[in-house]
Amino acid sequence: MPDRESLPPTDVLVIRDEPLTSGSMSAAAEAELARSVELMRAVATGAVAQSRVVRVSTPPPTVAMSRRESRMTGFDEACQASLGHRFIPVVRPTGGRAVAYDQTCVVFDVIARESDGATDQTSFFRDIGGRLVAALRGLGVDARLGEVPGEYCPGEFSVNARGVVKLIGTSQRAVRGARLLSGMLPLGPTDRFIDVLAAVNTALELEWDPATFGTFGHENPGVSRQVVEDALVAALAE
């Protein structure tokens, strides 16, 4: 039995979704994103009693693009490039730019109930970013908050390592009564992600520097997925 101090607060619901094994990979990739929105709406309406939900999941190989990218002239070409690298192209409910992830990544959602205007986008980004940085530092990574020049899906509140490579990107969506922040942390090799993101960003005519793509495994090899997940969940559930 875990120590009481290691348990999440009673007002936090922690969900660890198992990989979807039935149906097509395309359906699984869409369902992964739909689940995030479903939980956000459930928190907003009170269907989920807890005021905060932390969810971690293991998705199929996916390239998640924003609605803004879906309106670009190169979007269809980007989808074909994604499929050519065996990643499922999807349009995600949050903002940002193209992100690639698969079973070697930890994908997470943080959903918070809020009153109108109680939490703004910037403060939520900053709060969650600080928690992620603290969790990674606790695992021996020189984690910092801030954008690395040339990174994929650039953002002021990206989590980087050593100020050199991006480790975690986050994006948000809000509805009346709840706010969703999603992100992902790669754990393994980078080559597969760099190849597909290079093709997708070329199709969308967006610039990025492949050398800025980092993974936890490169920064601190030998730490198990379970240990990393547990650290992220503990930080996000506080």
Protein backbone atom coordinates (compact mmCIF):
# COMPACT_ATOMS: atom_id res chain seq x y z
CA MET A 1 0.00 0.00 0.00
CA PRO A 2 1.45 3.44 -0.92
CA ASP A 3 2.18 6.00 1.77
CA ARG A 4 -0.67 8.43 2.38
CA GLU A 5 1.68 11.28 1.44
CA SER A 6 2.14 9.77 -2.04
CA LEU A 7 -1.59 9.62 -2.75
CA PRO A 8 -3.20 12.40 -4.84
CA PRO A 9 -5.51 14.84 -3.05
CA THR A 10 -9.11 13.65 -2.80
CA ASP A 11 -10.24 16.50 -5.08
CA VAL A 12 -8.05 15.17 -7.91
CA LEU A 13 -8.99 12.31 -10.24
CA VAL A 14 -6.00 10.48 -11.71
CA ILE A 15 -6.66 8.43 -14.84
CA ARG A 16 -4.12 6.11 -16.46
CA ASP A 17 -5.63 5.01 -19.74
CA GLU A 18 -4.49 1.74 -21.28
CA PRO A 19 -3.56 1.72 -25.01
CA LEU A 20 -6.54 1.14 -27.27
CA THR A 21 -6.12 -2.26 -28.90
CA SER A 22 -9.37 -2.66 -30.86
CA GLY A 23 -10.26 -0.95 -34.12
CA SER A 24 -7.97 0.91 -36.49
CA MET A 25 -5.02 3.05 -35.46
CA SER A 26 -6.78 6.02 -37.02
CA ALA A 27 -9.81 5.50 -34.81
CA ALA A 28 -7.56 5.07 -31.77
CA ALA A 29 -5.74 8.36 -32.52
CA GLU A 30 -9.03 10.22 -32.85
CA ALA A 31 -10.43 8.60 -29.71
CA GLU A 32 -7.35 9.64 -27.74
CA LEU A 33 -8.05 13.31 -28.46
CA ALA A 34 -11.81 12.98 -28.06
CA ARG A 35 -11.26 11.56 -24.58
CA SER A 36 -9.51 14.78 -23.52
CA VAL A 37 -12.46 16.92 -24.61
CA GLU A 38 -14.95 14.51 -23.06
CA LEU A 39 -13.21 14.77 -19.69
CA MET A 40 -12.97 18.56 -19.93
CA ARG A 41 -16.71 18.85 -20.52
CA ALA A 42 -17.42 16.38 -17.70
CA VAL A 43 -15.41 18.52 -15.28
CA ALA A 44 -17.16 21.67 -16.50
CA THR A 45 -20.65 20.23 -16.01
CA GLY A 46 -19.89 18.51 -12.70
CA ALA A 47 -20.33 15.02 -14.17
CA VAL A 48 -16.84 14.47 -12.76
CA ALA A 49 -17.01 15.45 -9.10
CA GLN A 50 -13.32 16.30 -8.69
CA SER A 51 -12.17 19.81 -9.58
CA ARG A 52 -8.97 18.56 -11.26
CA VAL A 53 -8.28 15.59 -13.53
CA VAL A 54 -4.79 14.34 -14.39
CA ARG A 55 -4.69 11.79 -17.19
CA VAL A 56 -1.76 9.95 -18.74
CA SER A 57 -2.06 7.74 -21.81
CA THR A 58 -0.12 5.73 -24.36
CA PRO A 59 -1.23 6.74 -27.87
CA PRO A 60 -0.66 5.17 -31.29
CA PRO A 61 1.80 6.91 -33.65
CA THR A 62 0.15 10.28 -34.28
CA VAL A 63 0.89 13.67 -35.79
CA ALA A 64 -1.48 16.11 -34.10
CA MET A 65 -1.95 19.37 -35.97
CA SER A 66 -3.94 22.42 -34.94
CA ARG A 67 -7.09 23.75 -36.57
CA ARG A 68 -5.03 26.66 -37.86
CA GLU A 69 -2.71 24.24 -39.68
CA SER A 70 -5.71 22.36 -41.08
CA ARG A 71 -6.57 25.52 -43.04
CA MET A 72 -3.10 25.87 -44.58
CA THR A 73 -2.67 25.06 -48.27
CA GLY A 74 -0.13 22.32 -47.47
CA PHE A 75 -2.33 20.47 -44.98
CA ASP A 76 -3.32 17.63 -47.31
CA GLU A 77 0.32 17.13 -48.28
CA ALA A 78 1.27 17.16 -44.59
CA CYS A 79 -1.30 14.43 -43.90
CA GLN A 80 0.12 12.30 -46.71
CA ALA A 81 3.65 12.86 -45.40
CA SER A 82 2.53 11.79 -41.95
CA LEU A 83 0.95 8.60 -43.29
CA GLY A 84 4.07 7.92 -45.34
CA HIS A 85 6.03 7.79 -42.08
CA ARG A 86 3.37 5.56 -40.46
CA PHE A 87 1.90 8.26 -38.24
CA ILE A 88 -1.82 9.00 -38.16
CA PRO A 89 -2.60 12.67 -38.94
CA VAL A 90 -5.28 14.23 -36.73
CA VAL A 91 -6.54 17.71 -35.90
CA ARG A 92 -6.30 18.27 -32.18
CA PRO A 93 -8.69 20.35 -30.06
CA THR A 94 -5.95 22.55 -28.61
CA GLY A 95 -3.72 25.15 -30.27
CA GLY A 96 -0.07 25.17 -31.27
CA ARG A 97 1.68 23.53 -34.19
CA ALA A 98 2.36 19.98 -35.38
CA VAL A 99 3.47 17.51 -32.72
CA ALA A 100 4.48 13.86 -33.29
CA TYR A 101 4.15 11.20 -30.61
CA ASP A 102 3.76 7.43 -30.23
CA GLN A 103 3.89 4.63 -27.65
CA THR A 104 7.36 5.72 -26.52
CA CYS A 105 5.94 9.03 -25.25
CA VAL A 106 3.99 9.98 -22.16
CA VAL A 107 0.96 12.01 -23.22
CA PHE A 108 -0.83 13.85 -20.43
CA ASP A 109 -3.86 16.05 -19.81
CA VAL A 110 -4.52 18.39 -16.89
CA ILE A 111 -8.10 19.59 -16.57
CA ALA A 112 -9.13 22.17 -13.99
CA ARG A 113 -12.59 23.39 -13.07
CA GLU A 114 -12.77 27.17 -13.02
CA SER A 115 -15.21 29.99 -12.52
CA ASP A 116 -15.52 32.55 -15.32
CA GLY A 117 -12.25 34.42 -15.59
CA ALA A 118 -10.74 32.72 -12.54
CA THR A 119 -7.79 31.27 -14.48
CA ASP A 120 -6.21 32.83 -17.53
CA GLN A 121 -4.28 30.96 -20.17
CA THR A 122 -0.91 32.45 -19.29
CA SER A 123 -1.06 31.69 -15.57
CA PHE A 124 -2.17 28.11 -16.25
CA PHE A 125 0.70 27.61 -18.69
CA ARG A 126 3.14 29.03 -16.15
CA ASP A 127 1.80 26.98 -13.24
CA ILE A 128 1.83 23.66 -15.08
CA GLY A 129 5.18 24.45 -16.69
CA GLY A 130 6.72 25.07 -13.30
CA ARG A 131 5.36 21.78 -11.98
CA LEU A 132 6.78 19.89 -14.96
CA VAL A 133 10.19 21.51 -14.55
CA ALA A 134 10.26 20.56 -10.86
CA ALA A 135 9.27 16.97 -11.65
CA LEU A 136 12.02 16.56 -14.25
CA ARG A 137 14.64 18.15 -12.03
CA GLY A 138 13.66 15.64 -9.38
CA LEU A 139 14.49 12.94 -11.92
CA GLY A 140 17.95 14.34 -12.56
CA VAL A 141 17.28 16.45 -15.68
CA ASP A 142 18.50 20.03 -16.06
CA ALA A 143 14.98 21.17 -16.94
CA ARG A 144 14.07 24.80 -17.56
CA LEU A 145 10.98 26.73 -18.60
CA GLY A 146 11.20 28.60 -21.88
CA GLU A 147 11.33 28.37 -25.64
CA VAL A 148 14.40 27.03 -27.44
CA PRO A 149 15.01 28.95 -30.68
CA GLY A 150 13.98 26.80 -33.63
CA GLU A 151 11.93 24.29 -31.63
CA TYR A 152 8.90 22.45 -33.03
CA CYS A 153 5.51 23.85 -31.88
CA PRO A 154 7.26 26.86 -30.31
CA GLY A 155 5.92 28.32 -27.10
CA GLU A 156 6.99 30.57 -24.25
CA PHE A 157 6.17 27.86 -21.71
CA SER A 158 7.87 24.90 -23.34
CA VAL A 159 9.99 22.77 -21.02
CA ASN A 160 13.55 22.37 -22.26
CA ALA A 161 16.73 20.64 -21.14
CA ARG A 162 19.91 22.64 -20.62
CA GLY A 163 18.41 25.50 -22.66
CA VAL A 164 19.27 23.46 -25.77
CA VAL A 165 16.56 20.91 -26.61
CA LYS A 166 12.80 20.92 -26.14
CA LEU A 167 11.39 18.13 -23.97
CA ILE A 168 7.74 19.05 -23.41
CA GLY A 169 5.33 21.24 -25.32
CA THR A 170 1.92 22.17 -23.94
CA SER A 171 -1.27 23.53 -25.47
CA GLN A 172 -4.65 24.58 -24.13
CA ARG A 173 -8.38 24.72 -24.71
CA ALA A 174 -11.10 26.13 -22.46
CA VAL A 175 -14.87 25.87 -22.23
CA ARG A 176 -17.17 27.56 -19.77
CA GLY A 177 -16.35 25.98 -16.45
CA ALA A 178 -13.13 24.10 -17.25
CA ARG A 179 -9.69 24.41 -18.81
CA LEU A 180 -7.64 21.69 -20.52
CA LEU A 181 -3.87 21.63 -20.91
CA SER A 182 -2.30 18.81 -22.91
CA GLY A 183 1.32 17.89 -23.41
CA MET A 184 3.73 15.09 -24.15
CA LEU A 185 7.19 13.95 -23.13
CA PRO A 186 9.23 11.70 -25.47
CA LEU A 187 11.17 9.00 -23.68
CA GLY A 188 13.10 7.15 -26.39
CA PRO A 189 15.03 7.78 -29.62
CA THR A 190 14.42 10.93 -31.67
CA ASP A 191 15.01 9.85 -35.29
CA ARG A 192 11.47 8.72 -36.06
CA PHE A 193 9.95 11.95 -34.78
CA ILE A 194 12.49 14.16 -36.50
CA ASP A 195 11.86 12.46 -39.86
CA VAL A 196 8.07 12.85 -39.76
CA LEU A 197 8.14 16.40 -38.38
CA ALA A 198 10.63 17.43 -41.07
CA ALA A 199 8.28 16.15 -43.77
CA VAL A 200 5.15 17.65 -42.19
CA ASN A 201 6.68 21.07 -41.54
CA THR A 202 8.09 21.18 -45.06
CA ALA A 203 4.60 20.53 -46.44
CA LEU A 204 3.18 23.28 -44.23
CA GLU A 205 6.09 25.61 -45.12
CA LEU A 206 6.98 26.03 -41.45
CA GLU A 207 10.60 26.29 -40.30
CA TRP A 208 12.13 24.43 -37.37
CA ASP A 209 15.51 23.11 -36.28
CA PRO A 210 15.56 19.29 -35.90
CA ALA A 211 18.52 19.58 -33.51
CA THR A 212 16.19 21.07 -30.89
CA PHE A 213 14.12 17.87 -30.52
CA GLY A 214 14.99 16.23 -27.21
CA THR A 215 13.85 13.24 -25.19
CA PHE A 216 13.98 12.30 -21.53
CA GLY A 217 15.91 9.13 -22.36
CA HIS A 218 18.78 11.13 -23.81
CA GLU A 219 18.95 13.40 -20.77
CA ASN A 220 18.79 10.64 -18.17
CA PRO A 221 18.84 7.09 -19.60
CA GLY A 222 17.84 4.13 -17.51
CA VAL A 223 14.83 5.65 -15.74
CA SER A 224 11.72 3.53 -16.30
CA ARG A 225 8.54 4.82 -17.90
CA GLN A 226 6.65 4.07 -14.68
CA VAL A 227 8.97 6.24 -12.62
CA VAL A 228 8.63 9.12 -15.09
CA GLU A 229 4.83 8.80 -15.22
CA ASP A 230 4.57 8.68 -11.45
CA ALA A 231 6.69 11.83 -11.11
CA LEU A 232 4.61 13.75 -13.65
CA VAL A 233 1.32 12.63 -12.10
CA ALA A 234 2.47 13.57 -8.60
CA ALA A 235 3.54 17.04 -9.75
CA LEU A 236 0.37 17.71 -11.73
CA ALA A 237 -1.97 16.39 -9.05
CA GLU A 238 -0.63 18.54 -6.19
